[in-house]
């Protein structure tokens, strides 16, 4: 599953002009993946489609 999305992710990353550190690269890629999963509906089992559930999912993923 990771390989099929690699090309699209690579296009998004190239548009950001690279990363300054591994920490920012990790956070940015993680954010891109979460937002793409939300958009595709792949994470709906975790948040049941409500906005508060989306907030809980994002805060859990980013350990906020």
PDB file of N, CA and C in Angstrom:
ATOM      1  N   UNK A   1       0.818  -1.190   0.000  1.00  0.00           N
ATOM      2  CA  UNK A   1       0.000   0.000   0.000  1.00  0.00           C
ATOM      3  C   UNK A   1       0.864   1.256   0.000  1.00  0.00           C
ATOM      4  N   UNK A   2       2.001   1.205   0.646  1.00  0.00           N
ATOM      5  CA  UNK A   2       2.874   2.373   0.703  1.00  0.00           C
ATOM      6  C   UNK A   2       3.422   2.696  -0.685  1.00  0.00           C
ATOM      7  N   UNK A   3       3.778   1.668  -1.448  1.00  0.00           N
ATOM      8  CA  UNK A   3       4.383   1.895  -2.754  1.00  0.00           C
ATOM      9  C   UNK A   3       3.439   2.577  -3.731  1.00  0.00           C
ATOM     10  N   UNK A   4       2.138   2.272  -3.652  1.00  0.00           N
ATOM     11  CA  UNK A   4       1.215   2.858  -4.623  1.00  0.00           C
ATOM     12  C   UNK A   4       1.028   4.357  -4.397  1.00  0.00           C
ATOM     13  N   UNK A   5       1.224   4.842  -3.193  1.00  0.00           N
ATOM     14  CA  UNK A   5       1.088   6.265  -2.906  1.00  0.00           C
ATOM     15  C   UNK A   5       2.419   7.008  -2.946  1.00  0.00           C
ATOM     16  N   UNK A   6       3.499   6.294  -3.177  1.00  0.00           N
ATOM     17  CA  UNK A   6       4.820   6.912  -3.111  1.00  0.00           C
ATOM     18  C   UNK A   6       4.997   8.026  -4.138  1.00  0.00           C
ATOM     19  N   UNK A   7       4.513   7.826  -5.352  1.00  0.00           N
ATOM     20  CA  UNK A   7       4.671   8.844  -6.398  1.00  0.00           C
ATOM     21  C   UNK A   7       3.958  10.136  -6.062  1.00  0.00           C
ATOM     22  N   UNK A   8       2.740  10.026  -5.555  1.00  0.00           N
ATOM     23  CA  UNK A   8       1.985  11.223  -5.180  1.00  0.00           C
ATOM     24  C   UNK A   8       2.641  11.937  -4.008  1.00  0.00           C
ATOM     25  N   UNK A   9       3.115  11.167  -3.028  1.00  0.00           N
ATOM     26  CA  UNK A   9       3.790  11.760  -1.874  1.00  0.00           C
ATOM     27  C   UNK A   9       5.079  12.451  -2.308  1.00  0.00           C
ATOM     28  N   UNK A  10       5.799  11.848  -3.234  1.00  0.00           N
ATOM     29  CA  UNK A  10       7.046  12.433  -3.721  1.00  0.00           C
ATOM     30  C   UNK A  10       6.794  13.772  -4.419  1.00  0.00           C
ATOM     31  N   UNK A  11       5.691  13.865  -5.184  1.00  0.00           N
ATOM     32  CA  UNK A  11       5.343  15.138  -5.834  1.00  0.00           C
ATOM     33  C   UNK A  11       5.054  16.218  -4.802  1.00  0.00           C
ATOM     34  N   UNK A  12       4.344  15.869  -3.745  1.00  0.00           N
ATOM     35  CA  UNK A  12       4.024  16.842  -2.695  1.00  0.00           C
ATOM     36  C   UNK A  12       5.296  17.294  -1.994  1.00  0.00           C
ATOM     37  N   UNK A  13       6.186  16.352  -1.693  1.00  0.00           N
ATOM     38  CA  UNK A  13       7.424  16.680  -0.984  1.00  0.00           C
ATOM     39  C   UNK A  13       8.329  17.541  -1.849  1.00  0.00           C
ATOM     40  N   UNK A  14       8.422  17.255  -3.138  1.00  0.00           N
ATOM     41  CA  UNK A  14       9.254  18.072  -4.020  1.00  0.00           C
ATOM     42  C   UNK A  14       8.748  19.506  -4.084  1.00  0.00           C
ATOM     43  N   UNK A  15       7.454  19.698  -3.951  1.00  0.00           N
ATOM     44  CA  UNK A  15       6.893  21.049  -3.971  1.00  0.00           C
ATOM     45  C   UNK A  15       7.272  21.839  -2.723  1.00  0.00           C
ATOM     46  N   UNK A  16       7.654  21.156  -1.640  1.00  0.00           N
ATOM     47  CA  UNK A  16       8.033  21.860  -0.409  1.00  0.00           C
ATOM     48  C   UNK A  16       9.493  22.283  -0.418  1.00  0.00           C
ATOM     49  N   UNK A  17      10.230  21.929  -1.445  1.00  0.00           N
ATOM     50  CA  UNK A  17      11.650  22.285  -1.598  1.00  0.00           C
ATOM     51  C   UNK A  17      12.537  21.648  -0.543  1.00  0.00           C
ATOM     52  N   UNK A  18      12.195  20.468  -0.100  1.00  0.00           N
ATOM     53  CA  UNK A  18      13.042  19.728   0.827  1.00  0.00           C
ATOM     54  C   UNK A  18      12.794  20.080   2.281  1.00  0.00           C
ATOM     55  N   UNK A  19      13.583  19.452   3.139  1.00  0.00           N
ATOM     56  CA  UNK A  19      13.428  19.636   4.579  1.00  0.00           C
ATOM     57  C   UNK A  19      14.747  20.082   5.186  1.00  0.00           C
ATOM     58  N   UNK A  20      14.658  20.804   6.291  1.00  0.00           N
ATOM     59  CA  UNK A  20      15.862  21.283   6.968  1.00  0.00           C
ATOM     60  C   UNK A  20      16.417  20.240   7.935  1.00  0.00           C
ATOM     61  N   UNK A  21      15.538  19.408   8.517  1.00  0.00           N
ATOM     62  CA  UNK A  21      16.003  18.397   9.467  1.00  0.00           C
ATOM     63  C   UNK A  21      15.116  17.163   9.381  1.00  0.00           C
ATOM     64  N   UNK A  22      15.574  16.084   9.990  1.00  0.00           N
ATOM     65  CA  UNK A  22      14.785  14.853  10.015  1.00  0.00           C
ATOM     66  C   UNK A  22      13.505  15.045  10.815  1.00  0.00           C
ATOM     67  N   UNK A  23      13.554  15.866  11.851  1.00  0.00           N
ATOM     68  CA  UNK A  23      12.370  16.105  12.683  1.00  0.00           C
ATOM     69  C   UNK A  23      11.260  16.763  11.866  1.00  0.00           C
ATOM     70  N   UNK A  24      11.602  17.774  11.082  1.00  0.00           N
ATOM     71  CA  UNK A  24      10.583  18.439  10.265  1.00  0.00           C
ATOM     72  C   UNK A  24      10.111  17.534   9.133  1.00  0.00           C
ATOM     73  N   UNK A  25      11.015  16.732   8.581  1.00  0.00           N
ATOM     74  CA  UNK A  25      10.622  15.793   7.530  1.00  0.00           C
ATOM     75  C   UNK A  25       9.627  14.783   8.071  1.00  0.00           C
ATOM     76  N   UNK A  26       9.907  14.233   9.241  1.00  0.00           N
ATOM     77  CA  UNK A  26       9.029  13.238   9.857  1.00  0.00           C
ATOM     78  C   UNK A  26       7.652  13.828  10.132  1.00  0.00           C
ATOM     79  N   UNK A  27       7.614  15.011  10.735  1.00  0.00           N
ATOM     80  CA  UNK A  27       6.337  15.641  11.078  1.00  0.00           C
ATOM     81  C   UNK A  27       5.537  15.994   9.827  1.00  0.00           C
ATOM     82  N   UNK A  28       6.208  16.501   8.811  1.00  0.00           N
ATOM     83  CA  UNK A  28       5.514  16.895   7.588  1.00  0.00           C
ATOM     84  C   UNK A  28       4.935  15.690   6.854  1.00  0.00           C
ATOM     85  N   UNK A  29       5.731  14.651   6.707  1.00  0.00           N
ATOM     86  CA  UNK A  29       5.256  13.454   6.008  1.00  0.00           C
ATOM     87  C   UNK A  29       4.129  12.796   6.786  1.00  0.00           C
ATOM     88  N   UNK A  30       4.253  12.767   8.097  1.00  0.00           N
ATOM     89  CA  UNK A  30       3.190  12.201   8.930  1.00  0.00           C
ATOM     90  C   UNK A  30       1.895  12.987   8.745  1.00  0.00           C
ATOM     91  N   UNK A  31       1.995  14.305   8.719  1.00  0.00           N
ATOM     92  CA  UNK A  31       0.817  15.145   8.514  1.00  0.00           C
ATOM     93  C   UNK A  31       0.184  14.942   7.155  1.00  0.00           C
ATOM     94  N   UNK A  32       1.017  14.837   6.137  1.00  0.00           N
ATOM     95  CA  UNK A  32       0.508  14.610   4.783  1.00  0.00           C
ATOM     96  C   UNK A  32      -0.235  13.283   4.729  1.00  0.00           C
ATOM     97  N   UNK A  33       0.335  12.251   5.333  1.00  0.00           N
ATOM     98  CA  UNK A  33      -0.297  10.931   5.314  1.00  0.00           C
ATOM     99  C   UNK A  33      -1.617  10.924   6.072  1.00  0.00           C
ATOM    100  N   UNK A  34      -1.674  11.606   7.217  1.00  0.00           N
ATOM    101  CA  UNK A  34      -2.923  11.663   7.988  1.00  0.00           C
ATOM    102  C   UNK A  34      -4.002  12.390   7.202  1.00  0.00           C
ATOM    103  N   UNK A  35      -3.666  13.521   6.610  1.00  0.00           N
ATOM    104  CA  UNK A  35      -4.662  14.285   5.865  1.00  0.00           C
ATOM    105  C   UNK A  35      -5.145  13.512   4.634  1.00  0.00           C
ATOM    106  N   UNK A  36      -4.249  12.794   3.977  1.00  0.00           N
ATOM    107  CA  UNK A  36      -4.663  11.993   2.819  1.00  0.00           C
ATOM    108  C   UNK A  36      -5.563  10.843   3.246  1.00  0.00           C
ATOM    109  N   UNK A  37      -5.263  10.224   4.395  1.00  0.00           N
ATOM    110  CA  UNK A  37      -6.115   9.134   4.894  1.00  0.00           C
ATOM    111  C   UNK A  37      -7.496   9.660   5.263  1.00  0.00           C
ATOM    112  N   UNK A  38      -7.547  10.850   5.874  1.00  0.00           N
ATOM    113  CA  UNK A  38      -8.841  11.444   6.212  1.00  0.00           C
ATOM    114  C   UNK A  38      -9.636  11.749   4.947  1.00  0.00           C
ATOM    115  N   UNK A  39      -8.971  12.300   3.946  1.00  0.00           N
ATOM    116  CA  UNK A  39      -9.647  12.653   2.702  1.00  0.00           C
ATOM    117  C   UNK A  39     -10.179  11.417   1.983  1.00  0.00           C
ATOM    118  N   UNK A  40      -9.415  10.317   2.020  1.00  0.00           N
ATOM    119  CA  UNK A  40      -9.829   9.090   1.351  1.00  0.00           C
ATOM    120  C   UNK A  40     -10.871   8.315   2.146  1.00  0.00           C
ATOM    121  N   UNK A  41     -11.067   8.676   3.414  1.00  0.00           N
ATOM    122  CA  UNK A  41     -12.014   7.948   4.247  1.00  0.00           C
ATOM    123  C   UNK A  41     -11.430   6.695   4.866  1.00  0.00           C
ATOM    124  N   UNK A  42     -10.115   6.540   4.815  1.00  0.00           N
ATOM    125  CA  UNK A  42      -9.468   5.349   5.356  1.00  0.00           C
ATOM    126  C   UNK A  42      -9.416   5.364   6.877  1.00  0.00           C
ATOM    127  N   UNK A  43      -9.543   6.511   7.490  1.00  0.00           N
ATOM    128  CA  UNK A  43      -9.445   6.613   8.942  1.00  0.00           C
ATOM    129  C   UNK A  43     -10.814   6.742   9.587  1.00  0.00           C
ATOM    130  N   UNK A  44     -11.874   6.540   8.834  1.00  0.00           N
ATOM    131  CA  UNK A  44     -13.218   6.751   9.374  1.00  0.00           C
ATOM    132  C   UNK A  44     -13.549   5.799  10.514  1.00  0.00           C
ATOM    133  N   UNK A  45     -12.913   4.645  10.568  1.00  0.00           N
ATOM    134  CA  UNK A  45     -13.153   3.713  11.670  1.00  0.00           C
ATOM    135  C   UNK A  45     -12.648   4.278  12.989  1.00  0.00           C
ATOM    136  N   UNK A  46     -11.699   5.199  12.938  1.00  0.00           N
ATOM    137  CA  UNK A  46     -11.126   5.759  14.153  1.00  0.00           C
ATOM    138  C   UNK A  46     -11.871   6.985  14.655  1.00  0.00           C
ATOM    139  N   UNK A  47     -12.531   7.716  13.764  1.00  0.00           N
ATOM    140  CA  UNK A  47     -13.134   8.968  14.214  1.00  0.00           C
ATOM    141  C   UNK A  47     -14.624   9.081  13.924  1.00  0.00           C
ATOM    142  N   UNK A  48     -15.265   8.119  13.367  1.00  0.00           N
ATOM    143  CA  UNK A  48     -16.708   8.060  13.071  1.00  0.00           C
ATOM    144  C   UNK A  48     -17.267   9.257  12.326  1.00  0.00           C
ATOM    145  N   UNK A  49     -16.461   9.991  11.597  1.00  0.00           N
ATOM    146  CA  UNK A  49     -16.956  11.054  10.739  1.00  0.00           C
ATOM    147  C   UNK A  49     -17.302  12.364  11.410  1.00  0.00           C
ATOM    148  N   UNK A  50     -17.159  12.467  12.722  1.00  0.00           N
ATOM    149  CA  UNK A  50     -17.491  13.734  13.370  1.00  0.00           C
ATOM    150  C   UNK A  50     -16.236  14.583  13.548  1.00  0.00           C
ATOM    151  N   UNK A  51     -16.369  15.909  13.569  1.00  0.00           N
ATOM    152  CA  UNK A  51     -15.198  16.791  13.671  1.00  0.00           C
ATOM    153  C   UNK A  51     -14.390  16.581  14.950  1.00  0.00           C
ATOM    154  N   UNK A  52     -15.050  16.321  16.070  1.00  0.00           N
ATOM    155  CA  UNK A  52     -14.307  16.086  17.310  1.00  0.00           C
ATOM    156  C   UNK A  52     -13.488  14.806  17.216  1.00  0.00           C
ATOM    157  N   UNK A  53     -14.024  13.809  16.540  1.00  0.00           N
ATOM    158  CA  UNK A  53     -13.276  12.578  16.328  1.00  0.00           C
ATOM    159  C   UNK A  53     -12.043  12.802  15.470  1.00  0.00           C
ATOM    160  N   UNK A  54     -12.179  13.661  14.456  1.00  0.00           N
ATOM    161  CA  UNK A  54     -11.018  14.009  13.627  1.00  0.00           C
ATOM    162  C   UNK A  54      -9.958  14.694  14.473  1.00  0.00           C
ATOM    163  N   UNK A  55     -10.389  15.594  15.359  1.00  0.00           N
ATOM    164  CA  UNK A  55      -9.435  16.281  16.235  1.00  0.00           C
ATOM    165  C   UNK A  55      -8.729  15.280  17.145  1.00  0.00           C
ATOM    166  N   UNK A  56      -9.471  14.313  17.684  1.00  0.00           N
ATOM    167  CA  UNK A  56      -8.859  13.297  18.540  1.00  0.00           C
ATOM    168  C   UNK A  56      -7.856  12.461  17.757  1.00  0.00           C
ATOM    169  N   UNK A  57      -8.213  12.096  16.534  1.00  0.00           N
ATOM    170  CA  UNK A  57      -7.313  11.301  15.705  1.00  0.00           C
ATOM    171  C   UNK A  57      -6.024  12.057  15.417  1.00  0.00           C
ATOM    172  N   UNK A  58      -6.135  13.302  15.003  1.00  0.00           N
ATOM    173  CA  UNK A  58      -4.949  14.099  14.684  1.00  0.00           C
ATOM    174  C   UNK A  58      -4.096  14.312  15.925  1.00  0.00           C
ATOM    175  N   UNK A  59      -4.721  14.595  17.073  1.00  0.00           N
ATOM    176  CA  UNK A  59      -3.938  14.803  18.291  1.00  0.00           C
ATOM    177  C   UNK A  59      -3.262  13.511  18.730  1.00  0.00           C
ATOM    178  N   UNK A  60      -3.904  12.365  18.499  1.00  0.00           N
ATOM    179  CA  UNK A  60      -3.292  11.084  18.852  1.00  0.00           C
ATOM    180  C   UNK A  60      -2.107  10.790  17.942  1.00  0.00           C
ATOM    181  N   UNK A  61      -2.265  11.057  16.659  1.00  0.00           N
ATOM    182  CA  UNK A  61      -1.186  10.773  15.708  1.00  0.00           C
ATOM    183  C   UNK A  61       0.018  11.670  15.974  1.00  0.00           C
ATOM    184  N   UNK A  62      -0.241  12.942  16.261  1.00  0.00           N
ATOM    185  CA  UNK A  62       0.854  13.884  16.475  1.00  0.00           C
ATOM    186  C   UNK A  62       1.254  14.005  17.930  1.00  0.00           C
ATOM    187  N   UNK A  63       0.657  13.162  18.797  1.00  0.00           N
ATOM    188  CA  UNK A  63       0.996  13.115  20.222  1.00  0.00           C
ATOM    189  C   UNK A  63       0.928  14.482  20.865  1.00  0.00           C
ATOM    190  N   UNK A  64      -0.182  15.175  20.657  1.00  0.00           N
ATOM    191  CA  UNK A  64      -0.366  16.513  21.215  1.00  0.00           C
ATOM    192  C   UNK A  64      -0.985  16.435  22.584  1.00  0.00           C
TER     193      UNK A  64
END
